[in-house]
Amino acid sequence: MNIGIIGATGKAGHLILMEALERGHNVTAIVRNPSKLQHNVPVLEQDIFHLTRDDLSTFDVVVNAFGSAPDEEQPHIESGRILSDALQGTNTRLFVVGGAASLYVDDNKTTQLIDTPDFPDEIKPMAGGQVKNLNALQNAENLSWTFLSPAVEFDSEGKRTGTYQKGKDHIITNSEGNSYVSYADYAIAVLDEIENKEHINERFTVIGER
């Protein structure tokens, strides 16, 4: 499969790139600074805000692992709009490395994690941008997409256990009662979904064990 990874030099993007390579996929790193790449792969040197349909429509899947500053809401909203516009009406699937803020904490889906009292104020703008990005995807037409929310605790240093559990729109917990997943196990879930296509045009979430 031909996969483009936006933000392939970031913590999540790097592990997703490694997982894709290990599975034999053709991977292109879509990055602003190729010098940060740790693997010899084809590169599309471009800022996410300048990507076009011509840049992206040759891929089977485009993974958006773009990260913004915690105090900025607009970058996730704007980049989401640009990617959706570029891929609408194409055969390219958009896969978004999302956040946990949009997960629901109640059965009736009235309260999202971002709306709870203990949600950190310092990351609320960025998280809010991802919530709005998901909302826009859910209302998009003629677009193939998937949005994967990690657990509440998303551990960049966590081990690769090779296993995970899936949920849909609610926070779920592991055997220890924690909403936790490592970046490495998250990357496995990303590639499993890209290959198996079980969550087309919907959001899902994953948790793992420590």
N, C-alpha and C. Protein backbone atom coordinates (compact mmCIF):
# COMPACT_ATOMS: atom_id res chain seq x y z
N MET A 1 0.84 -1.19 0.00
CA MET A 1 0.00 0.00 0.00
C MET A 1 0.88 1.25 0.00
N ASN A 2 0.42 2.28 -0.66
CA ASN A 2 1.17 3.52 -0.78
C ASN A 2 0.66 4.51 0.27
N ILE A 3 1.50 4.78 1.28
CA ILE A 3 1.08 5.56 2.45
C ILE A 3 1.94 6.82 2.57
N GLY A 4 1.28 7.97 2.69
CA GLY A 4 1.97 9.22 2.99
C GLY A 4 1.75 9.57 4.45
N ILE A 5 2.80 9.96 5.15
CA ILE A 5 2.69 10.28 6.58
C ILE A 5 3.11 11.72 6.81
N ILE A 6 2.13 12.56 7.14
CA ILE A 6 2.40 13.95 7.49
C ILE A 6 2.89 13.99 8.94
N GLY A 7 4.00 14.66 9.16
CA GLY A 7 4.57 14.69 10.51
C GLY A 7 5.35 13.44 10.85
N ALA A 8 6.01 12.88 9.86
CA ALA A 8 6.72 11.60 10.05
C ALA A 8 7.94 11.70 10.94
N THR A 9 8.35 12.91 11.28
CA THR A 9 9.49 13.06 12.20
C THR A 9 9.04 13.28 13.64
N GLY A 10 7.75 13.38 13.86
CA GLY A 10 7.24 13.53 15.22
C GLY A 10 7.21 12.20 15.95
N LYS A 11 6.85 12.24 17.24
CA LYS A 11 6.89 11.03 18.06
C LYS A 11 5.92 9.97 17.53
N ALA A 12 4.69 10.35 17.27
CA ALA A 12 3.71 9.40 16.75
C ALA A 12 4.01 9.05 15.30
N GLY A 13 4.28 10.06 14.49
CA GLY A 13 4.52 9.84 13.06
C GLY A 13 5.70 8.93 12.80
N HIS A 14 6.75 9.08 13.60
CA HIS A 14 7.95 8.24 13.43
C HIS A 14 7.63 6.77 13.68
N LEU A 15 6.88 6.49 14.74
CA LEU A 15 6.56 5.10 15.05
C LEU A 15 5.58 4.51 14.04
N ILE A 16 4.67 5.32 13.54
CA ILE A 16 3.75 4.85 12.49
C ILE A 16 4.53 4.54 11.22
N LEU A 17 5.50 5.40 10.89
CA LEU A 17 6.36 5.14 9.73
C LEU A 17 7.12 3.83 9.90
N MET A 18 7.70 3.61 11.06
CA MET A 18 8.46 2.38 11.31
C MET A 18 7.56 1.15 11.18
N GLU A 19 6.36 1.23 11.74
CA GLU A 19 5.43 0.10 11.68
C GLU A 19 5.03 -0.19 10.24
N ALA A 20 4.80 0.86 9.47
CA ALA A 20 4.41 0.68 8.06
C ALA A 20 5.55 0.06 7.26
N LEU A 21 6.77 0.50 7.50
CA LEU A 21 7.91 -0.07 6.79
C LEU A 21 8.10 -1.54 7.14
N GLU A 22 7.95 -1.86 8.42
CA GLU A 22 8.12 -3.25 8.85
C GLU A 22 7.10 -4.18 8.20
N ARG A 23 5.96 -3.62 7.84
CA ARG A 23 4.92 -4.43 7.21
C ARG A 23 5.02 -4.43 5.68
N GLY A 24 6.03 -3.76 5.15
CA GLY A 24 6.29 -3.82 3.72
C GLY A 24 5.55 -2.82 2.88
N HIS A 25 4.99 -1.78 3.49
CA HIS A 25 4.28 -0.76 2.72
C HIS A 25 5.26 0.23 2.09
N ASN A 26 4.81 0.88 1.04
CA ASN A 26 5.57 1.97 0.44
C ASN A 26 5.22 3.25 1.19
N VAL A 27 6.22 3.87 1.82
CA VAL A 27 5.97 5.00 2.70
C VAL A 27 6.69 6.25 2.19
N THR A 28 5.96 7.36 2.16
CA THR A 28 6.54 8.66 1.86
C THR A 28 6.38 9.55 3.08
N ALA A 29 7.46 10.17 3.50
CA ALA A 29 7.42 11.10 4.63
C ALA A 29 7.07 12.49 4.10
N ILE A 30 5.99 13.06 4.62
CA ILE A 30 5.57 14.41 4.23
C ILE A 30 5.95 15.33 5.37
N VAL A 31 7.04 16.05 5.20
CA VAL A 31 7.64 16.80 6.30
C VAL A 31 8.16 18.14 5.83
N ARG A 32 8.36 19.04 6.79
CA ARG A 32 8.96 20.34 6.49
C ARG A 32 10.48 20.27 6.52
N ASN A 33 11.02 19.38 7.36
CA ASN A 33 12.47 19.31 7.55
C ASN A 33 12.95 17.87 7.40
N PRO A 34 13.33 17.45 6.19
CA PRO A 34 13.75 16.06 5.98
C PRO A 34 15.00 15.66 6.76
N SER A 35 15.79 16.64 7.21
CA SER A 35 17.03 16.30 7.92
C SER A 35 16.75 15.58 9.24
N LYS A 36 15.51 15.69 9.74
CA LYS A 36 15.15 15.03 11.00
C LYS A 36 14.74 13.58 10.81
N LEU A 37 14.59 13.14 9.57
CA LEU A 37 14.18 11.77 9.32
C LEU A 37 15.26 10.78 9.72
N GLN A 38 14.84 9.67 10.32
CA GLN A 38 15.78 8.65 10.74
C GLN A 38 15.77 7.44 9.81
N HIS A 39 14.96 7.48 8.76
CA HIS A 39 14.89 6.38 7.80
C HIS A 39 15.04 6.93 6.38
N ASN A 40 15.61 6.10 5.52
CA ASN A 40 15.79 6.49 4.13
C ASN A 40 14.53 6.13 3.34
N VAL A 41 13.59 7.07 3.29
CA VAL A 41 12.34 6.86 2.58
C VAL A 41 12.11 8.04 1.63
N PRO A 42 11.27 7.88 0.63
CA PRO A 42 10.92 9.02 -0.22
C PRO A 42 10.33 10.15 0.61
N VAL A 43 10.60 11.37 0.19
CA VAL A 43 10.19 12.55 0.96
C VAL A 43 9.40 13.51 0.09
N LEU A 44 8.30 14.00 0.62
CA LEU A 44 7.61 15.15 0.05
C LEU A 44 7.84 16.30 1.04
N GLU A 45 8.71 17.23 0.66
CA GLU A 45 9.06 18.34 1.54
C GLU A 45 8.04 19.46 1.37
N GLN A 46 7.09 19.51 2.30
CA GLN A 46 6.01 20.48 2.16
C GLN A 46 5.37 20.74 3.52
N ASP A 47 5.00 21.97 3.75
CA ASP A 47 4.24 22.34 4.94
C ASP A 47 2.81 21.84 4.79
N ILE A 48 2.20 21.36 5.88
CA ILE A 48 0.85 20.82 5.81
C ILE A 48 -0.15 21.85 5.27
N PHE A 49 0.09 23.12 5.53
CA PHE A 49 -0.84 24.17 5.12
C PHE A 49 -0.73 24.51 3.63
N HIS A 50 0.23 23.89 2.95
CA HIS A 50 0.40 24.14 1.52
C HIS A 50 0.19 22.89 0.67
N LEU A 51 -0.28 21.81 1.28
CA LEU A 51 -0.50 20.57 0.53
C LEU A 51 -1.72 20.71 -0.37
N THR A 52 -1.63 20.06 -1.53
CA THR A 52 -2.68 20.15 -2.54
C THR A 52 -3.19 18.76 -2.92
N ARG A 53 -4.26 18.75 -3.70
CA ARG A 53 -4.80 17.49 -4.22
C ARG A 53 -3.75 16.75 -5.05
N ASP A 54 -2.98 17.48 -5.85
CA ASP A 54 -1.95 16.84 -6.66
C ASP A 54 -0.89 16.19 -5.79
N ASP A 55 -0.58 16.79 -4.65
CA ASP A 55 0.41 16.22 -3.73
C ASP A 55 -0.06 14.90 -3.14
N LEU A 56 -1.36 14.79 -2.84
CA LEU A 56 -1.85 13.72 -1.98
C LEU A 56 -2.65 12.63 -2.66
N SER A 57 -3.24 12.90 -3.79
CA SER A 57 -4.20 11.95 -4.36
C SER A 57 -3.56 10.70 -4.95
N THR A 58 -2.23 10.66 -5.03
CA THR A 58 -1.56 9.46 -5.52
C THR A 58 -1.40 8.40 -4.42
N PHE A 59 -1.65 8.79 -3.16
CA PHE A 59 -1.51 7.85 -2.04
C PHE A 59 -2.80 7.07 -1.83
N ASP A 60 -2.66 5.84 -1.34
CA ASP A 60 -3.85 5.09 -0.91
C ASP A 60 -4.38 5.64 0.41
N VAL A 61 -3.45 6.01 1.29
CA VAL A 61 -3.80 6.56 2.60
C VAL A 61 -2.85 7.70 2.92
N VAL A 62 -3.39 8.78 3.47
CA VAL A 62 -2.58 9.86 4.02
C VAL A 62 -2.82 9.91 5.52
N VAL A 63 -1.76 9.71 6.30
CA VAL A 63 -1.85 9.76 7.76
C VAL A 63 -1.48 11.17 8.22
N ASN A 64 -2.40 11.80 8.94
CA ASN A 64 -2.13 13.13 9.47
C ASN A 64 -1.68 13.01 10.92
N ALA A 65 -0.35 13.03 11.13
CA ALA A 65 0.21 12.99 12.47
C ALA A 65 0.78 14.36 12.85
N PHE A 66 0.19 15.40 12.29
CA PHE A 66 0.61 16.77 12.55
C PHE A 66 0.37 17.14 14.01
N GLY A 67 1.32 17.83 14.59
CA GLY A 67 1.17 18.31 15.97
C GLY A 67 1.31 19.82 16.02
N SER A 68 0.56 20.45 16.92
CA SER A 68 0.64 21.90 17.08
C SER A 68 0.98 22.25 18.52
N ALA A 69 1.23 23.53 18.76
CA ALA A 69 1.50 23.99 20.12
C ALA A 69 0.24 23.83 20.97
N PRO A 70 0.40 23.50 22.26
CA PRO A 70 -0.76 23.26 23.13
C PRO A 70 -1.71 24.43 23.25
N ASP A 71 -1.19 25.66 23.07
CA ASP A 71 -2.04 26.84 23.28
C ASP A 71 -2.63 27.38 21.98
N GLU A 72 -2.62 26.56 20.92
CA GLU A 72 -3.15 27.00 19.63
C GLU A 72 -4.27 26.08 19.17
N GLU A 73 -5.42 26.64 18.89
CA GLU A 73 -6.57 25.88 18.41
C GLU A 73 -6.62 25.81 16.89
N GLN A 74 -6.32 26.92 16.24
CA GLN A 74 -6.58 27.05 14.81
C GLN A 74 -5.79 26.11 13.91
N PRO A 75 -4.53 25.77 14.24
CA PRO A 75 -3.78 24.91 13.32
C PRO A 75 -4.46 23.59 13.00
N HIS A 76 -5.07 22.93 13.98
CA HIS A 76 -5.73 21.65 13.70
C HIS A 76 -7.00 21.86 12.88
N ILE A 77 -7.70 22.96 13.13
CA ILE A 77 -8.91 23.25 12.35
C ILE A 77 -8.54 23.53 10.90
N GLU A 78 -7.55 24.38 10.70
CA GLU A 78 -7.18 24.79 9.34
C GLU A 78 -6.54 23.65 8.56
N SER A 79 -5.63 22.90 9.21
CA SER A 79 -5.00 21.78 8.50
C SER A 79 -6.02 20.71 8.16
N GLY A 80 -6.98 20.49 9.06
CA GLY A 80 -8.03 19.53 8.76
C GLY A 80 -8.85 19.94 7.56
N ARG A 81 -9.17 21.22 7.48
CA ARG A 81 -9.93 21.73 6.33
C ARG A 81 -9.15 21.56 5.03
N ILE A 82 -7.87 21.89 5.06
CA ILE A 82 -7.03 21.78 3.86
C ILE A 82 -6.97 20.34 3.37
N LEU A 83 -6.76 19.40 4.28
CA LEU A 83 -6.65 18.00 3.88
C LEU A 83 -7.99 17.46 3.38
N SER A 84 -9.07 17.82 4.05
CA SER A 84 -10.38 17.37 3.61
C SER A 84 -10.70 17.89 2.21
N ASP A 85 -10.44 19.18 1.99
CA ASP A 85 -10.70 19.77 0.67
C ASP A 85 -9.86 19.10 -0.41
N ALA A 86 -8.59 18.78 -0.06
CA ALA A 86 -7.69 18.17 -1.04
C ALA A 86 -8.12 16.75 -1.41
N LEU A 87 -8.72 16.03 -0.47
CA LEU A 87 -8.99 14.61 -0.69
C LEU A 87 -10.46 14.30 -0.99
N GLN A 88 -11.32 15.28 -0.89
CA GLN A 88 -12.72 15.04 -1.24
C GLN A 88 -12.82 14.63 -2.71
N GLY A 89 -13.57 13.56 -2.96
CA GLY A 89 -13.77 13.11 -4.33
C GLY A 89 -12.63 12.29 -4.88
N THR A 90 -11.66 11.93 -4.04
CA THR A 90 -10.55 11.07 -4.48
C THR A 90 -10.71 9.69 -3.85
N ASN A 91 -9.83 8.78 -4.24
CA ASN A 91 -9.82 7.44 -3.65
C ASN A 91 -8.86 7.33 -2.47
N THR A 92 -8.30 8.45 -2.06
CA THR A 92 -7.33 8.47 -0.96
C THR A 92 -8.04 8.62 0.37
N ARG A 93 -7.69 7.76 1.29
CA ARG A 93 -8.29 7.79 2.64
C ARG A 93 -7.45 8.67 3.56
N LEU A 94 -8.11 9.51 4.33
CA LEU A 94 -7.45 10.36 5.32
C LEU A 94 -7.52 9.69 6.68
N PHE A 95 -6.37 9.47 7.29
CA PHE A 95 -6.31 8.85 8.62
C PHE A 95 -5.73 9.87 9.59
N VAL A 96 -6.53 10.27 10.58
CA VAL A 96 -6.12 11.33 11.50
C VAL A 96 -5.68 10.76 12.84
N VAL A 97 -4.46 11.12 13.24
CA VAL A 97 -3.99 10.82 14.59
C VAL A 97 -4.62 11.87 15.50
N GLY A 98 -5.71 11.48 16.15
CA GLY A 98 -6.50 12.43 16.91
C GLY A 98 -6.11 12.49 18.37
N GLY A 99 -6.96 13.15 19.15
CA GLY A 99 -6.75 13.26 20.58
C GLY A 99 -7.88 12.61 21.35
N ALA A 100 -7.71 12.56 22.67
CA ALA A 100 -8.72 11.94 23.53
C ALA A 100 -9.80 12.92 23.98
N ALA A 101 -9.60 14.20 23.73
CA ALA A 101 -10.50 15.22 24.29
C ALA A 101 -11.94 15.06 23.83
N SER A 102 -12.15 14.51 22.66
CA SER A 102 -13.50 14.38 22.11
C SER A 102 -14.22 13.11 22.57
N LEU A 103 -13.53 12.25 23.31
CA LEU A 103 -14.18 11.04 23.82
C LEU A 103 -15.21 11.39 24.89
N TYR A 104 -16.30 10.64 24.91
CA TYR A 104 -17.38 10.90 25.87
C TYR A 104 -17.12 10.19 27.19
N VAL A 105 -17.57 10.82 28.26
CA VAL A 105 -17.39 10.26 29.59
C VAL A 105 -18.69 9.71 30.16
N ASP A 106 -19.80 9.89 29.42
CA ASP A 106 -21.10 9.42 29.90
C ASP A 106 -21.81 8.64 28.79
N ASP A 107 -22.70 7.74 29.21
CA ASP A 107 -23.39 6.87 28.26
C ASP A 107 -24.26 7.64 27.27
N ASN A 108 -24.80 8.77 27.69
CA ASN A 108 -25.72 9.52 26.84
C ASN A 108 -25.02 10.47 25.87
N LYS A 109 -23.70 10.46 25.90
CA LYS A 109 -22.91 11.31 25.00
C LYS A 109 -23.26 12.80 25.15
N THR A 110 -23.33 13.24 26.40
CA THR A 110 -23.59 14.65 26.64
C THR A 110 -22.35 15.41 27.09
N THR A 111 -21.33 14.68 27.57
CA THR A 111 -20.12 15.34 28.09
C THR A 111 -18.88 14.69 27.51
N GLN A 112 -18.07 15.51 26.84
CA GLN A 112 -16.79 15.04 26.33
C GLN A 112 -15.70 15.31 27.36
N LEU A 113 -14.60 14.60 27.22
CA LEU A 113 -13.50 14.76 28.17
C LEU A 113 -13.06 16.21 28.30
N ILE A 114 -13.03 16.94 27.20
CA ILE A 114 -12.58 18.33 27.22
C ILE A 114 -13.47 19.21 28.09
N ASP A 115 -14.70 18.78 28.32
CA ASP A 115 -15.64 19.58 29.10
C ASP A 115 -15.65 19.23 30.59
N THR A 116 -14.81 18.30 31.00
CA THR A 116 -14.77 17.90 32.40
C THR A 116 -13.89 18.87 33.21
N PRO A 117 -14.17 19.03 34.50
CA PRO A 117 -13.46 20.04 35.31
C PRO A 117 -11.95 19.85 35.38
N ASP A 118 -11.48 18.61 35.31
CA ASP A 118 -10.05 18.36 35.49
C ASP A 118 -9.25 18.41 34.20
N PHE A 119 -9.92 18.71 33.08
CA PHE A 119 -9.16 18.76 31.83
C PHE A 119 -8.18 19.94 31.88
N PRO A 120 -6.90 19.72 31.55
CA PRO A 120 -5.88 20.77 31.71
C PRO A 120 -6.14 21.99 30.82
N ASP A 121 -6.19 23.16 31.42
CA ASP A 121 -6.43 24.39 30.67
C ASP A 121 -5.33 24.66 29.65
N GLU A 122 -4.10 24.24 29.98
CA GLU A 122 -2.97 24.59 29.12
C GLU A 122 -3.00 23.89 27.77
N ILE A 123 -3.72 22.78 27.65
CA ILE A 123 -3.79 22.10 26.36
C ILE A 123 -5.19 22.20 25.74
N LYS A 124 -6.07 22.93 26.38
CA LYS A 124 -7.45 23.00 25.90
C LYS A 124 -7.57 23.61 24.50
N PRO A 125 -6.79 24.64 24.14
CA PRO A 125 -6.91 25.16 22.77
C PRO A 125 -6.58 24.11 21.71
N MET A 126 -5.45 23.43 21.84
CA MET A 126 -5.08 22.39 20.89
C MET A 126 -6.12 21.28 20.85
N ALA A 127 -6.54 20.83 22.03
CA ALA A 127 -7.53 19.77 22.11
C ALA A 127 -8.84 20.19 21.46
N GLY A 128 -9.22 21.45 21.69
CA GLY A 128 -10.44 21.96 21.08
C GLY A 128 -10.36 21.97 19.56
N GLY A 129 -9.18 22.27 19.05
CA GLY A 129 -8.98 22.22 17.60
C GLY A 129 -9.20 20.83 17.04
N GLN A 130 -8.73 19.81 17.77
CA GLN A 130 -8.92 18.44 17.31
C GLN A 130 -10.38 18.01 17.41
N VAL A 131 -11.08 18.49 18.44
CA VAL A 131 -12.51 18.20 18.56
C VAL A 131 -13.25 18.78 17.35
N LYS A 132 -12.94 20.01 16.98
CA LYS A 132 -13.60 20.63 15.84
C LYS A 132 -13.21 19.97 14.53
N ASN A 133 -11.98 19.47 14.45
CA ASN A 133 -11.55 18.73 13.26
C ASN A 133 -12.39 17.47 13.11
N LEU A 134 -12.61 16.74 14.21
CA LEU A 134 -13.45 15.55 14.16
C LEU A 134 -14.87 15.90 13.76
N ASN A 135 -15.41 16.96 14.33
CA ASN A 135 -16.77 17.36 13.98
C ASN A 135 -16.90 17.65 12.49
N ALA A 136 -15.88 18.31 11.93
CA ALA A 136 -15.91 18.62 10.50
C ALA A 136 -15.86 17.35 9.66
N LEU A 137 -15.04 16.39 10.06
CA LEU A 137 -14.97 15.12 9.34
C LEU A 137 -16.31 14.39 9.37
N GLN A 138 -16.96 14.41 10.51
CA GLN A 138 -18.23 13.71 10.65
C GLN A 138 -19.33 14.33 9.79
N ASN A 139 -19.12 15.55 9.36
CA ASN A 139 -20.08 16.22 8.50
C ASN A 139 -19.61 16.33 7.05
N ALA A 140 -18.45 15.75 6.76
CA ALA A 140 -17.90 15.84 5.41
C ALA A 140 -18.63 14.91 4.45
N GLU A 141 -18.66 15.30 3.20
CA GLU A 141 -19.28 14.49 2.16
C GLU A 141 -18.23 14.10 1.13
N ASN A 142 -18.39 12.89 0.60
CA ASN A 142 -17.52 12.41 -0.47
C ASN A 142 -16.06 12.38 -0.05
N LEU A 143 -15.83 11.93 1.19
CA LEU A 143 -14.49 11.84 1.74
C LEU A 143 -14.36 10.55 2.54
N SER A 144 -13.28 9.80 2.33
CA SER A 144 -13.01 8.60 3.11
C SER A 144 -12.03 8.96 4.22
N TRP A 145 -12.43 8.71 5.48
CA TRP A 145 -11.59 9.14 6.61
C TRP A 145 -11.74 8.19 7.78
N THR A 146 -10.74 8.25 8.68
CA THR A 146 -10.78 7.57 9.97
C THR A 146 -10.06 8.46 10.98
N PHE A 147 -10.60 8.55 12.19
CA PHE A 147 -10.02 9.37 13.26
C PHE A 147 -9.79 8.44 14.44
N LEU A 148 -8.53 8.31 14.86
CA LEU A 148 -8.19 7.41 15.96
C LEU A 148 -7.80 8.20 17.20
N SER A 149 -8.66 8.13 18.22
CA SER A 149 -8.37 8.78 19.51
C SER A 149 -7.55 7.84 20.38
N PRO A 150 -6.45 8.31 20.92
CA PRO A 150 -5.70 7.48 21.87
C PRO A 150 -6.40 7.48 23.22
N ALA A 151 -5.85 6.74 24.15
CA ALA A 151 -6.32 6.79 25.53
C ALA A 151 -6.00 8.14 26.15
N VAL A 152 -6.57 8.40 27.31
CA VAL A 152 -6.31 9.66 28.00
C VAL A 152 -4.82 9.82 28.29
N GLU A 153 -4.18 8.76 28.75
CA GLU A 153 -2.72 8.79 28.96
C GLU A 153 -2.06 8.19 27.72
N PHE A 154 -1.42 9.04 26.96
CA PHE A 154 -0.79 8.65 25.69
C PHE A 154 0.72 8.74 25.92
N ASP A 155 1.37 7.58 26.08
CA ASP A 155 2.73 7.51 26.60
C ASP A 155 3.76 7.32 25.48
N SER A 156 4.53 8.36 25.22
CA SER A 156 5.52 8.29 24.15
C SER A 156 6.68 7.36 24.49
N GLU A 157 6.89 7.11 25.78
CA GLU A 157 7.99 6.25 26.21
C GLU A 157 7.53 4.83 26.55
N GLY A 158 6.26 4.56 26.41
CA GLY A 158 5.72 3.25 26.79
C GLY A 158 6.20 2.14 25.88
N LYS A 159 6.15 0.92 26.39
CA LYS A 159 6.67 -0.22 25.63
C LYS A 159 5.68 -0.68 24.57
N ARG A 160 6.22 -1.42 23.64
CA ARG A 160 5.41 -2.03 22.58
C ARG A 160 5.01 -3.42 23.05
N THR A 161 3.74 -3.57 23.46
CA THR A 161 3.28 -4.87 23.92
C THR A 161 2.75 -5.72 22.78
N GLY A 162 2.34 -5.07 21.70
CA GLY A 162 1.80 -5.80 20.56
C GLY A 162 0.32 -6.09 20.66
N THR A 163 -0.33 -5.63 21.73
CA THR A 163 -1.76 -5.86 21.91
C THR A 163 -2.45 -4.56 22.30
N TYR A 164 -3.73 -4.50 22.03
CA TYR A 164 -4.53 -3.34 22.41
C TYR A 164 -6.01 -3.74 22.36
N GLN A 165 -6.85 -2.91 22.95
CA GLN A 165 -8.30 -3.08 22.89
C GLN A 165 -8.91 -1.85 22.23
N LYS A 166 -10.04 -2.08 21.56
CA LYS A 166 -10.69 -0.99 20.84
C LYS A 166 -12.03 -0.61 21.46
N GLY A 167 -12.36 0.67 21.31
CA GLY A 167 -13.67 1.19 21.64
C GLY A 167 -14.11 2.14 20.53
N LYS A 168 -15.22 2.82 20.75
CA LYS A 168 -15.73 3.72 19.70
C LYS A 168 -15.63 5.18 20.14
N ASP A 169 -16.64 5.67 20.84
CA ASP A 169 -16.72 7.10 21.14
C ASP A 169 -16.57 7.43 22.62
N HIS A 170 -16.41 6.41 23.46
CA HIS A 170 -16.31 6.62 24.90
C HIS A 170 -14.91 6.26 25.43
N ILE A 171 -14.52 6.89 26.51
CA ILE A 171 -13.29 6.50 27.20
C ILE A 171 -13.45 5.06 27.71
N ILE A 172 -12.45 4.25 27.45
CA ILE A 172 -12.44 2.88 27.96
C ILE A 172 -11.18 2.70 28.80
N THR A 173 -11.18 1.67 29.65
CA THR A 173 -10.05 1.45 30.54
C THR A 173 -9.54 0.02 30.44
N ASN A 174 -8.28 -0.17 30.83
CA ASN A 174 -7.65 -1.48 30.76
C ASN A 174 -7.89 -2.28 32.04
N SER A 175 -7.18 -3.38 32.19
CA SER A 175 -7.39 -4.27 33.33
C SER A 175 -7.04 -3.62 34.67
N GLU A 176 -6.24 -2.55 34.62
CA GLU A 176 -5.88 -1.83 35.83
C GLU A 176 -6.80 -0.64 36.09
N GLY A 177 -7.80 -0.48 35.23
CA GLY A 177 -8.71 0.63 35.38
C GLY A 177 -8.19 1.94 34.83
N ASN A 178 -7.15 1.88 33.99
CA ASN A 178 -6.53 3.08 33.44
C ASN A 178 -6.84 3.24 31.95
N SER A 179 -7.02 4.48 31.54
CA SER A 179 -7.13 4.80 30.12
C SER A 179 -5.72 5.13 29.64
N TYR A 180 -5.05 4.13 29.10
CA TYR A 180 -3.61 4.23 28.80
C TYR A 180 -3.30 3.52 27.49
N VAL A 181 -2.41 4.10 26.70
CA VAL A 181 -1.84 3.39 25.55
C VAL A 181 -0.47 3.99 25.25
N SER A 182 0.45 3.15 24.85
CA SER A 182 1.76 3.64 24.42
C SER A 182 1.68 4.08 22.96
N TYR A 183 2.58 4.97 22.57
CA TYR A 183 2.65 5.38 21.17
C TYR A 183 2.92 4.17 20.27
N ALA A 184 3.74 3.24 20.76
CA ALA A 184 4.11 2.08 19.94
C ALA A 184 2.91 1.18 19.66
N ASP A 185 2.09 0.92 20.68
CA ASP A 185 0.90 0.11 20.45
C ASP A 185 -0.15 0.87 19.64
N TYR A 186 -0.21 2.17 19.82
CA TYR A 186 -1.09 3.00 19.00
C TYR A 186 -0.71 2.87 17.52
N ALA A 187 0.59 2.88 17.23
CA ALA A 187 1.06 2.74 15.85
C ALA A 187 0.62 1.41 15.26
N ILE A 188 0.63 0.35 16.06
CA ILE A 188 0.15 -0.94 15.59
C ILE A 188 -1.32 -0.84 15.19
N ALA A 189 -2.10 -0.17 16.05
CA ALA A 189 -3.53 -0.02 15.78
C ALA A 189 -3.77 0.77 14.50
N VAL A 190 -2.95 1.79 14.26
CA VAL A 190 -3.07 2.58 13.04
C VAL A 190 -2.90 1.69 11.81
N LEU A 191 -1.84 0.91 11.78
CA LEU A 191 -1.57 0.07 10.61
C LEU A 191 -2.57 -1.06 10.48
N ASP A 192 -3.03 -1.61 11.61
CA ASP A 192 -4.06 -2.64 11.53
C ASP A 192 -5.32 -2.08 10.87
N GLU A 193 -5.70 -0.87 11.25
CA GLU A 193 -6.90 -0.26 10.67
C GLU A 193 -6.70 0.10 9.20
N ILE A 194 -5.53 0.61 8.87
CA ILE A 194 -5.25 0.93 7.47
C ILE A 194 -5.39 -0.33 6.61
N GLU A 195 -4.91 -1.45 7.10
CA GLU A 195 -4.94 -2.70 6.33
C GLU A 195 -6.33 -3.35 6.34
N ASN A 196 -7.04 -3.26 7.46
CA ASN A 196 -8.29 -4.01 7.60
C ASN A 196 -9.55 -3.21 7.29
N LYS A 197 -9.46 -1.89 7.34
CA LYS A 197 -10.57 -1.01 6.94
C LYS A 197 -11.86 -1.32 7.70
N GLU A 198 -11.77 -1.34 9.03
CA GLU A 198 -12.95 -1.64 9.84
C GLU A 198 -13.67 -0.39 10.34
N HIS A 199 -13.04 0.76 10.20
CA HIS A 199 -13.63 1.99 10.74
C HIS A 199 -13.59 3.11 9.70
N ILE A 200 -14.21 2.86 8.57
CA ILE A 200 -14.27 3.87 7.52
C ILE A 200 -15.33 4.90 7.88
N ASN A 201 -14.95 6.16 7.81
CA ASN A 201 -15.83 7.29 8.10
C ASN A 201 -16.38 7.25 9.53
N GLU A 202 -15.50 6.91 10.46
CA GLU A 202 -15.87 6.96 11.86
C GLU A 202 -14.62 7.09 12.73
N ARG A 203 -14.88 7.45 13.99
CA ARG A 203 -13.82 7.53 14.97
C ARG A 203 -13.82 6.26 15.83
N PHE A 204 -12.63 5.84 16.24
CA PHE A 204 -12.54 4.79 17.25
C PHE A 204 -11.39 5.13 18.20
N THR A 205 -11.26 4.35 19.25
CA THR A 205 -10.22 4.62 20.26
C THR A 205 -9.55 3.30 20.65
N VAL A 206 -8.37 3.40 21.20
CA VAL A 206 -7.63 2.21 21.63
C VAL A 206 -7.01 2.43 23.00
N ILE A 207 -6.89 1.34 23.75
CA ILE A 207 -6.15 1.33 25.01
C ILE A 207 -5.20 0.13 25.01
N GLY A 208 -4.22 0.17 25.87
CA GLY A 208 -3.28 -0.94 26.00
C GLY A 208 -2.89 -1.12 27.45
N GLU A 209 -2.02 -2.10 27.69
CA GLU A 209 -1.48 -2.35 29.03
C GLU A 209 -0.08 -1.75 29.12
N ARG A 210 0.36 -1.49 30.32
CA ARG A 210 1.68 -0.93 30.51
C ARG A 210 2.75 -1.99 30.31
